[in-house]
């Protein structure tokens, strides 16, 4: 794959200017979902995504965005791409990428050099009631967000979680409540669902 034609700082500045964070959600019963992770539970798959070398399918989330239309998971990771080539694919809609059959840690998509204008297009021209798709590898997790109530599908029924469950699964990360695309930190997620003011996107991409 050719190298992307922008710098890390330009990428982060774009995200801040668009008030958009990069989120990877565990949306369905199989979340990260491939032969390497299907044996794990809902939060366990996100734990794997947060600590291991996966290329993740993500969306940008902005103020006003809502669950299901603009992102599809009740729990997700806030990602900071570490370098320009961390963004491997960008599309203004669901690009339909799949797990690479030859390497389950990667996704199958067209691998072309991306420009900062191409990333901006994926953010700016996303349909209002849909989500876009960015594939990201080599990232840092800047927080974990959840949309209340936290419900997810299992193979036989619905599963339910609390912010305390998420906090126990990610003890080293700030836990946020996603409220119409804004991330509000839980003050004490182990004992209360009280949240503080929304955290600016610039805090994730300094």
N, C-alpha and C. Protein backbone atom coordinates (compact mmCIF):
# COMPACT_ATOMS: atom_id res chain seq x y z
N UNK A 1 0.83 -1.19 0.00
CA UNK A 1 0.00 0.00 0.00
C UNK A 1 0.87 1.24 0.00
N UNK A 2 0.53 2.22 -0.85
CA UNK A 2 1.25 3.48 -0.85
C UNK A 2 1.00 4.22 0.47
N UNK A 3 1.97 5.02 0.86
CA UNK A 3 1.83 5.78 2.09
C UNK A 3 0.81 6.90 1.91
N UNK A 4 0.05 7.19 2.97
CA UNK A 4 -0.91 8.28 2.92
C UNK A 4 -0.20 9.62 2.82
N UNK A 5 -0.89 10.59 2.24
CA UNK A 5 -0.23 11.85 1.88
C UNK A 5 -0.56 12.97 2.87
N UNK A 6 -0.66 12.64 4.14
CA UNK A 6 -0.87 13.65 5.17
C UNK A 6 -0.08 13.27 6.40
N UNK A 7 0.05 14.21 7.32
CA UNK A 7 0.79 13.94 8.55
C UNK A 7 -0.17 13.57 9.67
N UNK A 8 0.41 13.02 10.73
CA UNK A 8 -0.39 12.71 11.91
C UNK A 8 -1.06 13.96 12.45
N UNK A 9 -0.32 15.06 12.50
CA UNK A 9 -0.89 16.30 13.03
C UNK A 9 -2.04 16.81 12.16
N UNK A 10 -1.92 16.66 10.85
CA UNK A 10 -3.00 17.08 9.95
C UNK A 10 -4.25 16.23 10.17
N UNK A 11 -4.06 14.95 10.39
CA UNK A 11 -5.19 14.06 10.66
C UNK A 11 -5.89 14.46 11.95
N UNK A 12 -5.11 14.67 13.01
CA UNK A 12 -5.71 15.03 14.29
C UNK A 12 -6.37 16.39 14.21
N UNK A 13 -5.76 17.34 13.49
CA UNK A 13 -6.35 18.66 13.34
C UNK A 13 -7.68 18.57 12.58
N UNK A 14 -7.75 17.69 11.59
CA UNK A 14 -9.01 17.51 10.86
C UNK A 14 -10.10 16.99 11.79
N UNK A 15 -9.78 15.99 12.60
CA UNK A 15 -10.77 15.44 13.52
C UNK A 15 -11.27 16.51 14.49
N UNK A 16 -10.34 17.32 15.00
CA UNK A 16 -10.74 18.39 15.93
C UNK A 16 -11.59 19.42 15.21
N UNK A 17 -11.21 19.80 13.99
CA UNK A 17 -11.97 20.82 13.26
C UNK A 17 -13.38 20.34 12.93
N UNK A 18 -13.54 19.04 12.75
CA UNK A 18 -14.86 18.48 12.44
C UNK A 18 -15.59 18.04 13.71
N UNK A 19 -14.95 18.20 14.86
CA UNK A 19 -15.54 17.80 16.14
C UNK A 19 -15.96 16.33 16.09
N UNK A 20 -15.07 15.50 15.57
CA UNK A 20 -15.37 14.09 15.33
C UNK A 20 -14.32 13.21 16.01
N UNK A 21 -14.78 12.17 16.69
CA UNK A 21 -13.83 11.20 17.21
C UNK A 21 -14.01 9.88 16.47
N UNK A 22 -12.94 9.10 16.45
CA UNK A 22 -12.96 7.80 15.78
C UNK A 22 -13.38 6.75 16.80
N UNK A 23 -14.49 6.07 16.52
CA UNK A 23 -15.01 5.08 17.44
C UNK A 23 -15.12 3.71 16.81
N UNK A 24 -14.69 2.71 17.56
CA UNK A 24 -14.90 1.31 17.15
C UNK A 24 -15.90 0.70 18.11
N UNK A 25 -17.00 0.21 17.57
CA UNK A 25 -18.08 -0.33 18.40
C UNK A 25 -18.15 -1.84 18.31
N UNK A 26 -18.53 -2.45 19.42
CA UNK A 26 -18.95 -3.85 19.40
C UNK A 26 -20.46 -3.82 19.24
N UNK A 27 -20.93 -4.00 18.01
CA UNK A 27 -22.33 -3.74 17.74
C UNK A 27 -23.24 -4.95 17.80
N UNK A 28 -22.72 -6.11 17.51
CA UNK A 28 -23.58 -7.27 17.37
C UNK A 28 -23.02 -8.42 18.20
N UNK A 29 -23.64 -9.57 18.07
CA UNK A 29 -23.26 -10.70 18.91
C UNK A 29 -21.80 -11.09 18.75
N UNK A 30 -21.23 -10.82 17.57
CA UNK A 30 -19.86 -11.23 17.34
C UNK A 30 -18.89 -10.05 17.25
N UNK A 31 -19.35 -8.84 17.55
CA UNK A 31 -18.48 -7.68 17.74
C UNK A 31 -17.31 -7.58 16.79
N UNK A 32 -16.09 -7.63 17.32
CA UNK A 32 -14.89 -7.64 16.48
C UNK A 32 -15.01 -8.78 15.47
N UNK A 33 -15.50 -9.88 15.95
CA UNK A 33 -16.10 -10.94 15.19
C UNK A 33 -15.31 -11.65 14.13
N UNK A 34 -14.42 -12.53 14.50
CA UNK A 34 -13.81 -13.44 13.54
C UNK A 34 -13.35 -14.67 14.29
N UNK A 35 -12.67 -15.58 13.59
CA UNK A 35 -12.30 -16.84 14.21
C UNK A 35 -11.38 -16.65 15.41
N UNK A 36 -10.71 -15.51 15.49
CA UNK A 36 -9.82 -15.27 16.63
C UNK A 36 -10.56 -14.79 17.87
N UNK A 37 -11.76 -14.25 17.69
CA UNK A 37 -12.44 -13.61 18.81
C UNK A 37 -13.84 -14.14 19.09
N UNK A 38 -14.37 -14.99 18.23
CA UNK A 38 -15.76 -15.42 18.40
C UNK A 38 -16.01 -16.22 19.68
N UNK A 39 -14.98 -16.76 20.26
CA UNK A 39 -15.18 -17.52 21.49
C UNK A 39 -15.26 -16.62 22.72
N UNK A 40 -15.06 -15.32 22.56
CA UNK A 40 -15.05 -14.40 23.69
C UNK A 40 -16.39 -13.71 23.85
N UNK A 41 -16.64 -13.19 25.04
CA UNK A 41 -17.86 -12.46 25.32
C UNK A 41 -17.81 -11.05 24.75
N UNK A 42 -18.91 -10.34 24.92
CA UNK A 42 -19.08 -9.01 24.32
C UNK A 42 -17.97 -8.05 24.74
N UNK A 43 -17.76 -7.87 26.03
CA UNK A 43 -16.71 -6.96 26.47
C UNK A 43 -15.32 -7.54 26.26
N UNK A 44 -15.21 -8.85 26.31
CA UNK A 44 -13.90 -9.47 26.08
C UNK A 44 -13.39 -9.18 24.67
N UNK A 45 -14.30 -9.14 23.70
CA UNK A 45 -13.87 -8.84 22.33
C UNK A 45 -13.33 -7.42 22.23
N UNK A 46 -13.97 -6.49 22.94
CA UNK A 46 -13.46 -5.12 22.95
C UNK A 46 -12.13 -5.04 23.69
N UNK A 47 -11.98 -5.85 24.74
CA UNK A 47 -10.68 -5.89 25.43
C UNK A 47 -9.59 -6.37 24.48
N UNK A 48 -9.89 -7.37 23.68
CA UNK A 48 -8.92 -7.85 22.70
C UNK A 48 -8.58 -6.75 21.70
N UNK A 49 -9.62 -6.05 21.23
CA UNK A 49 -9.39 -4.98 20.27
C UNK A 49 -8.55 -3.86 20.86
N UNK A 50 -8.66 -3.65 22.17
CA UNK A 50 -7.95 -2.54 22.81
C UNK A 50 -6.49 -2.86 23.07
N UNK A 51 -6.12 -4.13 23.07
CA UNK A 51 -4.77 -4.50 23.48
C UNK A 51 -3.98 -5.27 22.44
N UNK A 52 -4.65 -5.76 21.41
CA UNK A 52 -3.95 -6.60 20.44
C UNK A 52 -3.93 -5.95 19.06
N UNK A 53 -3.23 -6.56 18.14
CA UNK A 53 -2.94 -5.99 16.83
C UNK A 53 -4.04 -6.33 15.84
N UNK A 54 -5.17 -5.61 15.93
CA UNK A 54 -6.26 -5.78 14.98
C UNK A 54 -6.39 -4.53 14.11
N UNK A 55 -6.82 -4.71 12.88
CA UNK A 55 -7.29 -3.61 12.06
C UNK A 55 -8.80 -3.53 12.28
N UNK A 56 -9.26 -2.39 12.80
CA UNK A 56 -10.64 -2.27 13.25
C UNK A 56 -11.47 -1.44 12.29
N UNK A 57 -12.70 -1.88 12.08
CA UNK A 57 -13.68 -1.09 11.34
C UNK A 57 -14.28 -0.07 12.30
N UNK A 58 -14.22 1.22 11.92
CA UNK A 58 -14.62 2.31 12.81
C UNK A 58 -15.55 3.27 12.08
N UNK A 59 -16.12 4.19 12.84
CA UNK A 59 -16.89 5.30 12.30
C UNK A 59 -16.47 6.56 13.02
N UNK A 60 -16.64 7.71 12.35
CA UNK A 60 -16.46 8.97 13.06
C UNK A 60 -17.80 9.37 13.67
N UNK A 61 -17.75 9.87 14.89
CA UNK A 61 -18.96 10.22 15.63
C UNK A 61 -18.85 11.69 16.03
N UNK A 62 -19.92 12.44 15.78
CA UNK A 62 -19.94 13.88 15.99
C UNK A 62 -21.15 14.27 16.83
N UNK A 63 -21.14 15.50 17.40
CA UNK A 63 -22.31 15.96 18.15
C UNK A 63 -23.58 15.88 17.31
N UNK A 64 -24.63 15.37 17.93
CA UNK A 64 -25.90 15.16 17.24
C UNK A 64 -26.09 13.75 16.74
N UNK A 65 -25.01 12.97 16.68
CA UNK A 65 -25.13 11.60 16.19
C UNK A 65 -25.87 10.73 17.20
N UNK A 66 -26.55 9.72 16.68
CA UNK A 66 -27.37 8.87 17.52
C UNK A 66 -27.06 7.40 17.26
N UNK A 67 -27.31 6.61 18.29
CA UNK A 67 -27.11 5.16 18.20
C UNK A 67 -27.95 4.58 17.08
N UNK A 68 -27.37 3.63 16.42
CA UNK A 68 -27.91 2.82 15.34
C UNK A 68 -27.85 3.53 14.00
N UNK A 69 -28.28 4.80 13.92
CA UNK A 69 -28.17 5.50 12.65
C UNK A 69 -26.71 5.82 12.32
N UNK A 70 -25.96 6.33 13.31
CA UNK A 70 -24.61 6.83 13.06
C UNK A 70 -23.51 5.98 13.68
N UNK A 71 -23.86 5.11 14.61
CA UNK A 71 -22.93 4.11 15.14
C UNK A 71 -23.77 2.96 15.66
N UNK A 72 -23.23 1.76 15.66
CA UNK A 72 -24.08 0.58 15.81
C UNK A 72 -23.80 -0.24 17.06
N UNK A 73 -23.02 0.29 18.00
CA UNK A 73 -22.72 -0.47 19.20
C UNK A 73 -23.05 0.29 20.45
N UNK A 74 -23.46 -0.42 21.49
CA UNK A 74 -23.75 0.20 22.77
C UNK A 74 -22.50 0.44 23.60
N UNK A 75 -21.39 -0.18 23.23
CA UNK A 75 -20.10 0.05 23.89
C UNK A 75 -19.05 0.18 22.80
N UNK A 76 -18.11 1.10 22.97
CA UNK A 76 -17.10 1.29 21.94
C UNK A 76 -15.83 1.89 22.48
N UNK A 77 -14.81 1.90 21.66
CA UNK A 77 -13.49 2.44 21.99
C UNK A 77 -13.29 3.76 21.25
N UNK A 78 -12.74 4.75 21.96
CA UNK A 78 -12.31 6.00 21.33
C UNK A 78 -10.86 5.81 20.92
N UNK A 79 -10.59 5.92 19.62
CA UNK A 79 -9.26 5.59 19.10
C UNK A 79 -8.51 6.83 18.64
N UNK A 80 -7.22 6.85 18.94
CA UNK A 80 -6.29 7.84 18.42
C UNK A 80 -5.36 7.13 17.44
N UNK A 81 -5.47 7.41 16.15
CA UNK A 81 -4.52 6.81 15.20
C UNK A 81 -3.12 7.35 15.47
N UNK A 82 -2.15 6.46 15.59
CA UNK A 82 -0.81 6.87 16.00
C UNK A 82 0.00 7.50 14.86
N UNK A 83 -0.34 7.17 13.61
CA UNK A 83 0.44 7.66 12.49
C UNK A 83 -0.48 7.81 11.28
N UNK A 84 -0.04 8.54 10.24
CA UNK A 84 -0.92 8.71 9.07
C UNK A 84 -1.40 7.40 8.47
N UNK A 85 -0.51 6.41 8.38
CA UNK A 85 -0.89 5.15 7.76
C UNK A 85 -1.73 4.26 8.67
N UNK A 86 -2.06 4.78 9.87
CA UNK A 86 -3.01 4.07 10.72
C UNK A 86 -4.38 3.99 10.06
N UNK A 87 -4.71 4.99 9.23
CA UNK A 87 -5.97 4.95 8.49
C UNK A 87 -5.73 4.20 7.19
N UNK A 88 -6.30 3.03 7.06
CA UNK A 88 -6.05 2.18 5.90
C UNK A 88 -7.17 2.22 4.87
N UNK A 89 -8.32 2.76 5.27
CA UNK A 89 -9.48 2.80 4.37
C UNK A 89 -10.43 3.86 4.88
N UNK A 90 -11.09 4.58 3.97
CA UNK A 90 -12.06 5.60 4.38
C UNK A 90 -13.16 5.68 3.34
N UNK A 91 -14.41 5.69 3.82
CA UNK A 91 -15.56 5.76 2.94
C UNK A 91 -16.65 6.56 3.64
N UNK A 92 -17.38 7.39 2.91
CA UNK A 92 -18.42 8.23 3.50
C UNK A 92 -19.66 7.43 3.93
N UNK A 93 -19.70 6.17 3.57
CA UNK A 93 -20.80 5.28 3.97
C UNK A 93 -20.21 3.97 4.45
N UNK A 94 -21.06 3.04 4.80
CA UNK A 94 -20.58 1.70 5.16
C UNK A 94 -19.93 1.08 3.93
N UNK A 95 -18.62 0.90 4.00
CA UNK A 95 -17.89 0.37 2.85
C UNK A 95 -18.01 -1.13 2.70
N UNK A 96 -18.60 -1.80 3.68
CA UNK A 96 -18.80 -3.23 3.58
C UNK A 96 -17.53 -4.05 3.68
N UNK A 97 -16.50 -3.53 4.38
CA UNK A 97 -15.27 -4.32 4.51
C UNK A 97 -15.54 -5.57 5.33
N UNK A 98 -14.75 -6.58 5.07
CA UNK A 98 -14.90 -7.87 5.74
C UNK A 98 -13.56 -8.29 6.33
N UNK A 99 -13.61 -9.29 7.20
CA UNK A 99 -12.38 -9.87 7.72
C UNK A 99 -11.59 -10.49 6.57
N UNK A 100 -10.31 -10.21 6.52
CA UNK A 100 -9.45 -10.77 5.49
C UNK A 100 -9.33 -12.28 5.71
N UNK A 101 -9.74 -13.10 4.77
CA UNK A 101 -9.71 -14.55 4.97
C UNK A 101 -8.29 -15.10 5.12
N UNK A 102 -7.30 -14.36 4.63
CA UNK A 102 -5.92 -14.83 4.73
C UNK A 102 -5.24 -14.38 6.01
N UNK A 103 -5.82 -13.38 6.70
CA UNK A 103 -5.26 -12.86 7.95
C UNK A 103 -6.41 -12.28 8.77
N UNK A 104 -6.97 -13.05 9.69
CA UNK A 104 -8.14 -12.59 10.45
C UNK A 104 -7.90 -11.34 11.29
N UNK A 105 -6.66 -10.91 11.45
CA UNK A 105 -6.40 -9.66 12.18
C UNK A 105 -6.51 -8.43 11.28
N UNK A 106 -6.73 -8.63 9.99
CA UNK A 106 -6.83 -7.54 9.05
C UNK A 106 -8.17 -7.58 8.32
N UNK A 107 -8.50 -6.46 7.64
CA UNK A 107 -9.74 -6.38 6.90
C UNK A 107 -9.44 -6.36 5.40
N UNK A 108 -10.39 -6.85 4.63
CA UNK A 108 -10.24 -6.95 3.19
C UNK A 108 -10.89 -5.72 2.54
N UNK A 109 -10.07 -4.91 1.88
CA UNK A 109 -10.58 -3.71 1.21
C UNK A 109 -9.51 -3.24 0.23
N UNK A 110 -9.87 -2.25 -0.59
CA UNK A 110 -8.91 -1.68 -1.52
C UNK A 110 -7.88 -0.88 -0.72
N UNK A 111 -6.61 -1.13 -0.97
CA UNK A 111 -5.54 -0.46 -0.21
C UNK A 111 -4.87 0.55 -1.13
N UNK A 112 -5.29 1.80 -0.97
CA UNK A 112 -4.76 2.88 -1.80
C UNK A 112 -4.27 4.00 -0.90
N UNK A 113 -3.42 4.85 -1.46
CA UNK A 113 -2.95 6.02 -0.72
C UNK A 113 -4.12 6.97 -0.47
N UNK A 114 -4.26 7.45 0.77
CA UNK A 114 -5.35 8.34 1.14
C UNK A 114 -4.82 9.75 1.34
N UNK A 115 -5.62 10.73 0.96
CA UNK A 115 -5.29 12.13 1.18
C UNK A 115 -6.12 12.68 2.33
N UNK A 116 -5.72 13.82 2.86
CA UNK A 116 -6.50 14.43 3.93
C UNK A 116 -7.87 14.86 3.40
N UNK A 117 -7.94 15.23 2.12
CA UNK A 117 -9.24 15.56 1.52
C UNK A 117 -10.14 14.33 1.45
N UNK A 118 -9.54 13.17 1.24
CA UNK A 118 -10.32 11.94 1.22
C UNK A 118 -10.89 11.61 2.58
N UNK A 119 -10.12 11.84 3.63
CA UNK A 119 -10.63 11.61 4.99
C UNK A 119 -11.73 12.62 5.29
N UNK A 120 -11.51 13.89 4.90
CA UNK A 120 -12.53 14.92 5.12
C UNK A 120 -13.83 14.56 4.39
N UNK A 121 -13.71 14.03 3.17
CA UNK A 121 -14.89 13.61 2.42
C UNK A 121 -15.65 12.52 3.17
N UNK A 122 -14.94 11.57 3.74
CA UNK A 122 -15.59 10.48 4.47
C UNK A 122 -16.37 11.01 5.68
N UNK A 123 -15.87 12.10 6.28
CA UNK A 123 -16.56 12.68 7.43
C UNK A 123 -17.68 13.61 6.99
N UNK A 124 -17.36 14.53 6.09
CA UNK A 124 -18.30 15.60 5.74
C UNK A 124 -19.48 15.12 4.92
N UNK A 125 -19.27 14.12 4.08
CA UNK A 125 -20.31 13.70 3.15
C UNK A 125 -21.03 12.44 3.58
N UNK A 126 -20.83 12.05 4.82
CA UNK A 126 -21.61 10.95 5.38
C UNK A 126 -23.09 11.33 5.37
N UNK A 127 -23.94 10.40 5.00
CA UNK A 127 -25.38 10.67 5.01
C UNK A 127 -25.84 10.88 6.45
N UNK A 128 -26.76 11.81 6.69
CA UNK A 128 -27.14 12.16 8.07
C UNK A 128 -27.64 10.99 8.91
N UNK A 129 -28.33 10.04 8.28
CA UNK A 129 -28.91 8.93 9.04
C UNK A 129 -28.17 7.62 8.81
N UNK A 130 -26.89 7.74 8.46
CA UNK A 130 -26.07 6.55 8.24
C UNK A 130 -24.73 6.73 8.94
N UNK A 131 -23.91 5.69 8.89
CA UNK A 131 -22.56 5.78 9.45
C UNK A 131 -21.54 5.62 8.32
N UNK A 132 -20.38 6.18 8.54
CA UNK A 132 -19.29 6.02 7.58
C UNK A 132 -18.38 4.88 8.06
N UNK A 133 -17.31 4.64 7.32
CA UNK A 133 -16.39 3.57 7.72
C UNK A 133 -14.95 4.00 7.48
N UNK A 134 -14.18 3.92 8.54
CA UNK A 134 -12.73 4.05 8.47
C UNK A 134 -12.13 2.78 9.05
N UNK A 135 -11.12 2.23 8.41
CA UNK A 135 -10.39 1.11 8.99
C UNK A 135 -9.11 1.65 9.60
N UNK A 136 -8.83 1.19 10.82
CA UNK A 136 -7.74 1.77 11.60
C UNK A 136 -6.90 0.66 12.22
N UNK A 137 -5.59 0.81 12.11
CA UNK A 137 -4.68 -0.05 12.86
C UNK A 137 -3.59 0.83 13.48
N UNK A 138 -2.82 0.29 14.38
CA UNK A 138 -1.79 1.04 15.10
C UNK A 138 -2.41 2.27 15.76
N UNK A 139 -3.17 2.02 16.81
CA UNK A 139 -3.96 3.05 17.46
C UNK A 139 -3.73 3.00 18.98
N UNK A 140 -4.12 4.08 19.61
CA UNK A 140 -4.13 4.17 21.07
C UNK A 140 -5.58 4.34 21.52
N UNK A 141 -5.98 3.63 22.56
CA UNK A 141 -7.33 3.77 23.10
C UNK A 141 -7.34 4.94 24.07
N UNK A 142 -8.18 5.94 23.80
CA UNK A 142 -8.25 7.15 24.62
C UNK A 142 -9.42 7.13 25.58
N UNK A 143 -10.25 6.14 25.49
CA UNK A 143 -11.38 6.02 26.39
C UNK A 143 -12.34 4.97 25.89
N UNK A 144 -13.34 4.68 26.71
CA UNK A 144 -14.37 3.70 26.36
C UNK A 144 -15.72 4.38 26.57
N UNK A 145 -16.59 4.29 25.58
CA UNK A 145 -17.90 4.94 25.71
C UNK A 145 -19.02 3.93 25.67
N UNK A 146 -20.13 4.31 26.27
CA UNK A 146 -21.30 3.44 26.24
C UNK A 146 -22.55 4.29 26.06
N UNK A 147 -23.54 3.67 25.46
CA UNK A 147 -24.84 4.31 25.23
C UNK A 147 -25.85 3.56 26.09
N UNK A 148 -26.52 4.28 26.96
CA UNK A 148 -27.46 3.65 27.89
C UNK A 148 -28.87 3.58 27.30
N UNK A 149 -29.61 2.51 27.60
CA UNK A 149 -29.18 1.31 28.33
C UNK A 149 -28.27 0.45 27.45
N UNK A 150 -27.37 -0.29 28.09
CA UNK A 150 -26.43 -1.13 27.35
C UNK A 150 -27.07 -2.49 27.12
N UNK A 151 -27.48 -2.72 25.91
CA UNK A 151 -28.11 -3.98 25.51
C UNK A 151 -27.37 -4.52 24.29
N UNK A 152 -27.26 -5.82 24.20
CA UNK A 152 -26.61 -6.44 23.05
C UNK A 152 -27.19 -7.82 22.82
N UNK A 153 -27.02 -8.33 21.62
CA UNK A 153 -27.57 -9.63 21.27
C UNK A 153 -26.58 -10.74 21.59
N UNK A 154 -27.11 -11.81 22.14
CA UNK A 154 -26.34 -13.05 22.26
C UNK A 154 -26.93 -14.03 21.25
N UNK A 155 -26.39 -15.22 21.22
CA UNK A 155 -26.90 -16.19 20.25
C UNK A 155 -28.30 -16.65 20.60
N UNK A 156 -28.72 -16.49 21.86
CA UNK A 156 -30.02 -17.01 22.28
C UNK A 156 -30.94 -15.96 22.89
N UNK A 157 -30.40 -14.79 23.28
CA UNK A 157 -31.22 -13.82 23.99
C UNK A 157 -30.54 -12.45 23.95
N UNK A 158 -31.04 -11.53 24.78
CA UNK A 158 -30.42 -10.23 24.94
C UNK A 158 -29.54 -10.22 26.18
N UNK A 159 -28.41 -9.50 26.09
CA UNK A 159 -27.54 -9.31 27.23
C UNK A 159 -27.62 -7.86 27.70
N UNK A 160 -27.35 -7.66 28.98
CA UNK A 160 -27.45 -6.33 29.56
C UNK A 160 -26.22 -6.06 30.41
N UNK A 161 -25.74 -4.81 30.35
CA UNK A 161 -24.57 -4.40 31.12
C UNK A 161 -24.84 -3.05 31.76
N UNK A 162 -24.05 -2.72 32.78
CA UNK A 162 -24.11 -1.42 33.42
C UNK A 162 -22.78 -0.70 33.18
N UNK A 163 -22.75 0.62 33.41
CA UNK A 163 -21.46 1.31 33.33
C UNK A 163 -20.42 0.72 34.27
N UNK A 164 -20.85 0.20 35.40
CA UNK A 164 -19.90 -0.44 36.32
C UNK A 164 -19.26 -1.67 35.69
N UNK A 165 -20.04 -2.44 34.92
CA UNK A 165 -19.47 -3.60 34.23
C UNK A 165 -18.39 -3.16 33.24
N UNK A 166 -18.66 -2.07 32.52
CA UNK A 166 -17.70 -1.56 31.55
C UNK A 166 -16.45 -1.06 32.27
N UNK A 167 -16.64 -0.35 33.37
CA UNK A 167 -15.50 0.18 34.13
C UNK A 167 -14.63 -0.94 34.67
N UNK A 168 -15.25 -2.02 35.13
CA UNK A 168 -14.45 -3.14 35.65
C UNK A 168 -13.68 -3.83 34.52
N UNK A 169 -14.24 -3.83 33.32
CA UNK A 169 -13.56 -4.46 32.18
C UNK A 169 -12.41 -3.61 31.66
N UNK A 170 -12.49 -2.29 31.90
CA UNK A 170 -11.46 -1.37 31.41
C UNK A 170 -11.00 -0.45 32.55
N UNK A 171 -10.34 -1.01 33.55
CA UNK A 171 -10.01 -0.23 34.75
C UNK A 171 -9.04 0.91 34.52
N UNK A 172 -8.26 0.86 33.46
CA UNK A 172 -7.26 1.91 33.22
C UNK A 172 -7.76 3.01 32.29
N UNK A 173 -9.03 2.94 31.86
CA UNK A 173 -9.55 3.91 30.90
C UNK A 173 -10.70 4.72 31.50
N UNK A 174 -10.83 5.96 31.05
CA UNK A 174 -11.99 6.76 31.38
C UNK A 174 -13.21 6.20 30.66
N UNK A 175 -14.33 6.10 31.38
CA UNK A 175 -15.56 5.58 30.81
C UNK A 175 -16.50 6.77 30.56
N UNK A 176 -17.03 6.84 29.36
CA UNK A 176 -17.89 7.95 28.96
C UNK A 176 -19.30 7.45 28.65
N UNK A 177 -20.27 8.33 28.87
CA UNK A 177 -21.60 8.08 28.33
C UNK A 177 -21.74 8.89 27.05
N UNK A 178 -22.15 8.21 25.98
CA UNK A 178 -22.39 8.88 24.71
C UNK A 178 -23.81 9.44 24.73
N UNK A 179 -23.92 10.76 24.63
CA UNK A 179 -25.22 11.44 24.63
C UNK A 179 -25.27 12.30 23.38
N UNK A 180 -26.02 11.84 22.39
CA UNK A 180 -26.14 12.53 21.10
C UNK A 180 -24.77 12.92 20.54
N UNK A 181 -23.88 11.97 20.53
CA UNK A 181 -22.58 12.15 19.91
C UNK A 181 -21.54 12.83 20.77
N UNK A 182 -21.92 13.32 21.94
CA UNK A 182 -20.96 13.92 22.87
C UNK A 182 -20.57 12.90 23.93
N UNK A 183 -19.34 12.96 24.40
CA UNK A 183 -18.85 12.02 25.39
C UNK A 183 -18.74 12.70 26.75
N UNK A 184 -19.56 12.23 27.68
CA UNK A 184 -19.59 12.77 29.04
C UNK A 184 -18.95 11.75 29.99
N UNK A 185 -17.89 12.11 30.70
CA UNK A 185 -17.23 11.14 31.57
C UNK A 185 -18.08 10.82 32.80
N UNK A 186 -18.16 9.54 33.12
CA UNK A 186 -18.79 9.15 34.37
C UNK A 186 -17.89 9.61 35.52
N UNK A 187 -18.50 10.21 36.54
CA UNK A 187 -17.74 10.70 37.69
C UNK A 187 -17.18 9.52 38.50
N UNK A 188 -18.00 8.51 38.72
CA UNK A 188 -17.60 7.33 39.48
C UNK A 188 -18.41 6.15 38.95
N UNK A 189 -18.01 5.60 37.80
CA UNK A 189 -18.86 4.61 37.14
C UNK A 189 -19.10 3.33 37.93
N UNK A 190 -18.24 3.03 38.89
CA UNK A 190 -18.44 1.82 39.69
C UNK A 190 -19.61 1.98 40.66
N UNK A 191 -19.97 3.22 40.98
CA UNK A 191 -20.98 3.43 42.01
C UNK A 191 -22.11 4.36 41.61
N UNK A 192 -22.01 5.04 40.46
CA UNK A 192 -23.02 6.02 40.09
C UNK A 192 -23.03 6.20 38.58
N UNK A 193 -24.19 6.58 38.05
CA UNK A 193 -24.29 6.88 36.63
C UNK A 193 -24.26 8.39 36.37
N UNK A 194 -23.81 9.17 37.36
CA UNK A 194 -23.67 10.61 37.19
C UNK A 194 -22.51 10.91 36.25
N UNK A 195 -22.73 11.84 35.33
CA UNK A 195 -21.68 12.20 34.38
C UNK A 195 -21.37 13.69 34.47
N UNK A 196 -20.18 14.04 34.00
CA UNK A 196 -19.75 15.43 33.97
C UNK A 196 -20.01 16.06 32.61
N UNK A 197 -19.50 17.28 32.41
CA UNK A 197 -19.67 17.95 31.11
C UNK A 197 -18.99 17.17 29.99
N UNK A 198 -19.44 17.43 28.78
CA UNK A 198 -18.87 16.74 27.62
C UNK A 198 -17.39 17.07 27.47
N UNK A 199 -16.61 16.05 27.13
CA UNK A 199 -15.18 16.21 26.89
C UNK A 199 -14.97 16.69 25.45
N UNK A 200 -14.21 17.76 25.23
CA UNK A 200 -13.98 18.22 23.86
C UNK A 200 -13.14 17.21 23.07
N UNK A 201 -13.37 17.15 21.78
CA UNK A 201 -12.62 16.23 20.92
C UNK A 201 -11.13 16.53 20.98
N UNK A 202 -10.76 17.77 21.18
CA UNK A 202 -9.35 18.13 21.25
C UNK A 202 -8.62 17.44 22.39
N UNK A 203 -9.34 16.99 23.40
CA UNK A 203 -8.71 16.25 24.50
C UNK A 203 -8.23 14.88 24.05
N UNK A 204 -8.86 14.32 23.03
CA UNK A 204 -8.47 13.01 22.51
C UNK A 204 -7.36 13.12 21.47
N UNK A 205 -7.30 14.28 20.79
CA UNK A 205 -6.33 14.45 19.71
C UNK A 205 -5.52 15.73 19.94
N UNK A 206 -4.66 15.71 20.97
CA UNK A 206 -3.91 16.95 21.33
C UNK A 206 -2.87 17.31 20.26
